[in-house]
């Protein structure tokens, strides 16, 4: 994955930290660790953007330049958390590929007693480790932070060196990662996932290929210019091809959803008039 991809790792956590400044009845997502896990410069920005009128300007600017991005990031995280929290007891371990500064591992009590592996680029992992030690005193005993190049490293070897077993049902998370990889690297990753134990679960997000191809902008011309035109985002899927793609690696789709499908569950109850975008989809699947 590119250095540009590593630079985006803190963005979603920054947004969640800013969310904490909303009154509880308006807050879409509560996360007490989001602020403290961020590096200093981001914590200073959170302080600034937590001021009501500055926060209002930030979100309005986001809604104008990239309509639906703010809610989209929060929606996918809430969806992933809900599936993790209600997973069946047969799931014995969790692997988060491209974990970034995601804090699910440390905020969901249901994950505190099972092994978790978080993989990302070296600079992301090193920064996250430092912040966890500062914030929590240490990296939780059940968590392994693994510095990995998702483009080139053998994921199976990297994980097995850290105690992972492909003989156990696993919950895999692949959030906002596939678009940063080229097609060969995505296929390599799913070849690894094809070796998972039957009954394993997978959540992954994907950007629609018509956006990557420049055919449909979904109101996101600024996002296209920032990520697709300079080839930071490279991979996408057509919705109609996703089922066949997954079946080729031994996975069965349980759900393939867009933001509008879950907006009523998470955004509207908080009295927030946020736009949604269906540029990115979320797949929940089972290994067969």
Protein backbone atom coordinates (compact mmCIF):
# COMPACT_ATOMS: atom_id res chain seq x y z
CA UNK A 1 0.00 0.00 0.00
CA UNK A 2 1.18 3.53 -0.71
CA UNK A 3 2.50 6.10 1.73
CA UNK A 4 -0.56 8.15 0.82
CA UNK A 5 -2.73 5.33 2.18
CA UNK A 6 -0.84 5.45 5.49
CA UNK A 7 -1.52 9.18 5.72
CA UNK A 8 -5.28 8.53 5.62
CA UNK A 9 -5.17 6.13 8.59
CA UNK A 10 -5.86 8.83 11.19
CA UNK A 11 -8.68 10.59 9.35
CA UNK A 12 -11.58 8.34 10.46
CA UNK A 13 -10.37 8.32 14.08
CA UNK A 14 -10.08 12.11 13.99
CA UNK A 15 -13.70 12.33 12.82
CA UNK A 16 -14.87 10.01 15.60
CA UNK A 17 -12.95 12.10 18.15
CA UNK A 18 -14.69 15.25 16.90
CA UNK A 19 -18.04 13.42 17.18
CA UNK A 20 -17.48 13.17 20.94
CA UNK A 21 -18.01 16.94 21.25
CA UNK A 22 -21.66 16.58 20.19
CA UNK A 23 -24.31 16.29 22.92
CA UNK A 24 -24.97 12.61 23.64
CA UNK A 25 -28.41 12.69 22.03
CA UNK A 26 -26.89 13.93 18.75
CA UNK A 27 -23.68 11.93 18.80
CA UNK A 28 -23.69 9.19 16.18
CA UNK A 29 -20.86 7.19 17.71
CA UNK A 30 -19.49 7.20 21.25
CA UNK A 31 -15.82 6.30 21.60
CA UNK A 32 -13.87 7.44 24.67
CA UNK A 33 -10.54 6.21 23.25
CA UNK A 34 -10.64 8.04 19.90
CA UNK A 35 -9.13 11.28 21.17
CA UNK A 36 -6.38 9.80 23.31
CA UNK A 37 -5.08 7.36 20.68
CA UNK A 38 -4.36 10.16 18.19
CA UNK A 39 -0.90 11.77 17.91
CA UNK A 40 -0.48 15.24 19.43
CA UNK A 41 -1.08 17.31 16.30
CA UNK A 42 -4.40 15.56 15.70
CA UNK A 43 -5.45 15.94 19.33
CA UNK A 44 -4.80 19.68 19.05
CA UNK A 45 -6.97 19.82 15.93
CA UNK A 46 -9.74 17.89 17.73
CA UNK A 47 -9.69 20.52 20.48
CA UNK A 48 -10.10 23.25 17.89
CA UNK A 49 -12.85 21.51 15.92
CA UNK A 50 -14.73 20.61 19.09
CA UNK A 51 -15.72 24.28 19.41
CA UNK A 52 -19.32 24.32 18.22
CA UNK A 53 -19.13 26.88 15.41
CA UNK A 54 -15.77 25.52 14.17
CA UNK A 55 -17.16 21.98 14.20
CA UNK A 56 -20.21 23.20 12.29
CA UNK A 57 -17.92 24.74 9.66
CA UNK A 58 -15.85 21.55 9.37
CA UNK A 59 -18.82 19.26 8.79
CA UNK A 60 -20.54 21.70 6.42
CA UNK A 61 -17.32 21.95 4.41
CA UNK A 62 -17.08 18.17 4.28
CA UNK A 63 -20.71 17.86 3.23
CA UNK A 64 -20.16 20.37 0.43
CA UNK A 65 -16.90 19.01 -0.98
CA UNK A 66 -17.50 15.29 -0.37
CA UNK A 67 -21.23 14.83 0.36
CA UNK A 68 -21.91 11.78 2.49
CA UNK A 69 -18.30 11.09 3.46
CA UNK A 70 -18.76 12.01 7.14
CA UNK A 71 -21.79 9.76 7.66
CA UNK A 72 -20.35 7.02 5.42
CA UNK A 73 -17.28 6.50 7.58
CA UNK A 74 -19.33 6.44 10.77
CA UNK A 75 -21.94 4.09 9.27
CA UNK A 76 -19.44 1.47 8.20
CA UNK A 77 -17.75 1.50 11.62
CA UNK A 78 -21.05 1.14 13.45
CA UNK A 79 -22.05 -1.70 11.15
CA UNK A 80 -18.76 -3.53 11.67
CA UNK A 81 -18.97 -3.07 15.43
CA UNK A 82 -22.51 -4.45 15.51
CA UNK A 83 -21.49 -7.59 13.62
CA UNK A 84 -18.46 -8.12 15.82
CA UNK A 85 -20.47 -7.62 18.98
CA UNK A 86 -23.13 -10.13 17.92
CA UNK A 87 -20.80 -12.73 16.35
CA UNK A 88 -21.50 -16.35 17.29
CA UNK A 89 -19.45 -18.07 19.96
CA UNK A 90 -17.70 -20.29 17.41
CA UNK A 91 -15.56 -17.38 16.18
CA UNK A 92 -12.26 -17.91 17.96
CA UNK A 93 -10.10 -15.03 16.71
CA UNK A 94 -10.15 -11.71 14.85
CA UNK A 95 -7.86 -10.46 12.08
CA UNK A 96 -8.04 -6.79 11.06
CA UNK A 97 -6.25 -6.25 7.75
CA UNK A 98 -5.31 -2.59 7.32
CA UNK A 99 -6.42 -1.75 10.85
CA UNK A 100 -5.19 1.84 10.86
CA UNK A 101 -6.12 3.56 14.14
CA UNK A 102 -9.29 1.51 14.54
CA UNK A 103 -10.08 1.01 18.24
CA UNK A 104 -12.78 -1.67 18.10
CA UNK A 105 -10.44 -4.17 19.70
CA UNK A 106 -10.12 -2.01 22.80
CA UNK A 107 -13.68 -0.71 23.11
CA UNK A 108 -15.84 -3.81 22.59
CA UNK A 109 -15.90 -5.92 25.77
CA UNK A 110 -16.81 -8.98 23.70
CA UNK A 111 -13.34 -8.92 22.10
CA UNK A 112 -11.34 -8.71 25.29
CA UNK A 113 -10.88 -12.46 25.72
CA UNK A 114 -10.07 -13.65 22.19
CA UNK A 115 -6.86 -13.27 20.14
CA UNK A 116 -6.77 -10.30 17.78
CA UNK A 117 -4.22 -9.47 15.10
CA UNK A 118 -4.06 -5.95 13.64
CA UNK A 119 -2.04 -5.52 10.46
CA UNK A 120 -0.95 -2.31 8.76
CA UNK A 121 2.07 -0.48 7.40
CA UNK A 122 5.07 -0.18 9.71
CA UNK A 123 4.74 3.55 10.41
CA UNK A 124 1.04 3.16 11.31
CA UNK A 125 1.70 0.20 13.62
CA UNK A 126 4.62 1.91 15.37
CA UNK A 127 2.64 5.10 16.00
CA UNK A 128 -0.41 3.18 17.19
CA UNK A 129 1.71 1.08 19.55
CA UNK A 130 3.22 4.19 21.13
CA UNK A 131 -0.19 5.80 21.63
CA UNK A 132 -1.66 2.61 23.14
CA UNK A 133 1.22 2.35 25.61
CA UNK A 134 0.77 6.03 26.55
CA UNK A 135 -3.01 5.72 26.83
CA UNK A 136 -3.53 2.22 28.23
CA UNK A 137 -0.11 1.50 29.74
CA UNK A 138 0.50 -1.34 27.28
CA UNK A 139 -0.89 -3.07 24.23
CA UNK A 140 -3.61 -5.43 25.51
CA UNK A 141 -2.31 -8.98 25.99
CA UNK A 142 -4.77 -10.48 23.51
CA UNK A 143 -3.69 -8.13 20.69
CA UNK A 144 -0.77 -8.51 18.29
CA UNK A 145 0.19 -5.48 16.20
CA UNK A 146 1.82 -6.72 13.01
CA UNK A 147 3.75 -4.43 10.65
CA UNK A 148 2.94 -5.71 7.17
CA UNK A 149 3.13 -4.65 3.55
CA UNK A 150 -0.26 -5.77 2.23
CA UNK A 151 1.01 -5.42 -1.34
CA UNK A 152 4.00 -7.70 -1.03
CA UNK A 153 4.13 -9.72 2.20
CA UNK A 154 2.70 -13.22 2.55
CA UNK A 155 -0.13 -12.64 5.02
CA UNK A 156 -0.32 -16.28 6.08
CA UNK A 157 3.37 -16.40 7.00
CA UNK A 158 3.26 -13.00 8.74
CA UNK A 159 0.26 -14.02 10.86
CA UNK A 160 1.41 -17.55 11.69
CA UNK A 161 4.68 -16.13 13.02
CA UNK A 162 2.51 -14.27 15.54
CA UNK A 163 0.45 -17.30 16.59
CA UNK A 164 -2.45 -17.18 14.11
CA UNK A 165 -4.04 -20.50 13.11
CA UNK A 166 -6.08 -21.03 9.95
CA UNK A 167 -7.69 -24.05 11.66
CA UNK A 168 -9.88 -21.80 13.82
CA UNK A 169 -13.01 -19.88 12.71
CA UNK A 170 -11.93 -16.28 12.27
CA UNK A 171 -13.62 -12.90 11.90
CA UNK A 172 -11.76 -10.92 9.21
CA UNK A 173 -12.09 -7.14 8.82
CA UNK A 174 -11.03 -5.40 5.63
CA UNK A 175 -12.26 -1.82 6.05
CA UNK A 176 -11.42 0.84 3.44
CA UNK A 177 -8.44 -1.16 2.18
CA UNK A 178 -9.20 -2.74 -1.20
CA UNK A 179 -9.34 0.57 -3.07
CA UNK A 180 -5.70 1.27 -2.16
CA UNK A 181 -4.49 -2.02 -3.66
CA UNK A 182 -4.03 -2.99 -7.28
CA UNK A 183 -6.00 -5.93 -8.67
CA UNK A 184 -3.12 -8.39 -8.26
CA UNK A 185 -2.70 -7.50 -4.58
CA UNK A 186 -6.46 -7.80 -3.93
CA UNK A 187 -6.50 -11.26 -5.52
CA UNK A 188 -3.48 -12.23 -3.44
CA UNK A 189 -5.26 -11.11 -0.27
CA UNK A 190 -8.40 -13.05 -1.13
CA UNK A 191 -6.29 -16.11 -1.93
CA UNK A 192 -5.13 -15.91 1.68
CA UNK A 193 -8.74 -15.50 2.83
CA UNK A 194 -9.74 -18.55 0.78
CA UNK A 195 -7.74 -20.68 3.22
CA UNK A 196 -9.90 -19.64 6.19
CA UNK A 197 -11.79 -22.20 8.23
CA UNK A 198 -15.40 -22.78 7.06
CA UNK A 199 -17.76 -20.75 9.23
CA UNK A 200 -15.34 -17.82 9.36
CA UNK A 201 -16.82 -14.37 8.78
CA UNK A 202 -15.60 -11.46 6.67
CA UNK A 203 -16.57 -7.81 6.50
CA UNK A 204 -15.00 -5.81 3.72
CA UNK A 205 -15.79 -2.52 2.03
CA UNK A 206 -15.33 -1.73 -1.62
CA UNK A 207 -15.61 1.32 -3.84
CA UNK A 208 -17.79 0.89 -6.91
CA UNK A 209 -15.78 0.30 -10.07
CA UNK A 210 -17.75 2.80 -12.11
CA UNK A 211 -16.27 5.49 -9.85
CA UNK A 212 -12.73 4.12 -10.21
CA UNK A 213 -13.27 4.04 -13.99
CA UNK A 214 -14.51 7.65 -13.95
CA UNK A 215 -17.90 6.71 -15.39
CA UNK A 216 -20.05 7.79 -12.41
CA UNK A 217 -18.96 10.45 -9.93
CA UNK A 218 -21.67 10.00 -7.25
CA UNK A 219 -21.28 13.71 -6.52
CA UNK A 220 -17.67 13.09 -5.49
CA UNK A 221 -15.59 14.85 -8.14
CA UNK A 222 -13.27 16.27 -5.46
CA UNK A 223 -12.67 12.79 -4.04
CA UNK A 224 -12.00 11.45 -7.53
CA UNK A 225 -9.42 14.17 -8.19
CA UNK A 226 -7.75 13.57 -4.84
CA UNK A 227 -7.58 9.77 -4.83
CA UNK A 228 -8.43 8.17 -8.18
CA UNK A 229 -6.80 10.55 -10.66
CA UNK A 230 -3.35 10.29 -8.97
CA UNK A 231 -3.90 6.50 -8.70
CA UNK A 232 -3.99 6.33 -4.91
CA UNK A 233 -7.29 4.45 -5.24
CA UNK A 234 -6.90 1.69 -7.82
CA UNK A 235 -9.40 -1.12 -7.28
CA UNK A 236 -13.16 -1.30 -7.39
CA UNK A 237 -15.95 -3.81 -7.98
CA UNK A 238 -19.22 -3.62 -9.84
CA UNK A 239 -22.05 -4.58 -7.49
CA UNK A 240 -23.26 -7.25 -9.91
CA UNK A 241 -19.82 -8.90 -9.92
CA UNK A 242 -19.27 -9.07 -6.16
CA UNK A 243 -21.06 -12.37 -5.54
CA UNK A 244 -19.14 -14.19 -8.28
CA UNK A 245 -15.87 -12.62 -7.10
CA UNK A 246 -16.36 -13.90 -3.55
CA UNK A 247 -17.59 -17.34 -4.62
CA UNK A 248 -14.32 -17.77 -6.49
CA UNK A 249 -12.55 -17.68 -3.12
CA UNK A 250 -15.05 -19.81 -1.22
CA UNK A 251 -17.13 -17.09 0.42
CA UNK A 252 -20.91 -16.64 0.48
CA UNK A 253 -22.48 -13.18 0.74
CA UNK A 254 -24.77 -12.65 3.71
CA UNK A 255 -25.29 -8.93 3.05
CA UNK A 256 -24.03 -6.47 0.44
CA UNK A 257 -25.33 -3.07 1.51
CA UNK A 258 -24.97 0.65 0.87
CA UNK A 259 -25.22 3.62 3.22
CA UNK A 260 -28.92 4.22 2.54
CA UNK A 261 -29.71 0.69 3.75
CA UNK A 262 -28.55 1.43 7.30
CA UNK A 263 -28.90 5.21 7.53
CA UNK A 264 -32.25 4.92 9.33
CA UNK A 265 -30.64 2.70 11.99
CA UNK A 266 -27.73 4.94 12.92
CA UNK A 267 -27.93 8.51 11.60
CA UNK A 268 -31.57 9.62 11.61
CA UNK A 269 -32.26 8.71 15.27
CA UNK A 270 -29.58 11.24 16.26
CA UNK A 271 -31.38 14.19 14.64
CA UNK A 272 -28.46 14.82 12.30
CA UNK A 273 -29.25 16.01 8.80
CA UNK A 274 -26.25 14.41 7.11
CA UNK A 275 -26.06 13.40 3.48
CA UNK A 276 -25.27 9.82 2.50
CA UNK A 277 -23.25 8.42 -0.37
CA UNK A 278 -23.61 5.00 -1.97
CA UNK A 279 -20.15 5.18 -3.52
CA UNK A 280 -18.84 2.57 -1.07
CA UNK A 281 -20.54 -0.70 -0.19
CA UNK A 282 -20.15 -3.07 2.77
CA UNK A 283 -20.11 -6.84 2.40
CA UNK A 284 -20.72 -9.32 5.21
CA UNK A 285 -19.80 -12.86 4.14
CA UNK A 286 -19.29 -16.39 5.44
CA UNK A 287 -16.64 -18.96 4.46
CA UNK A 288 -18.19 -22.11 2.98
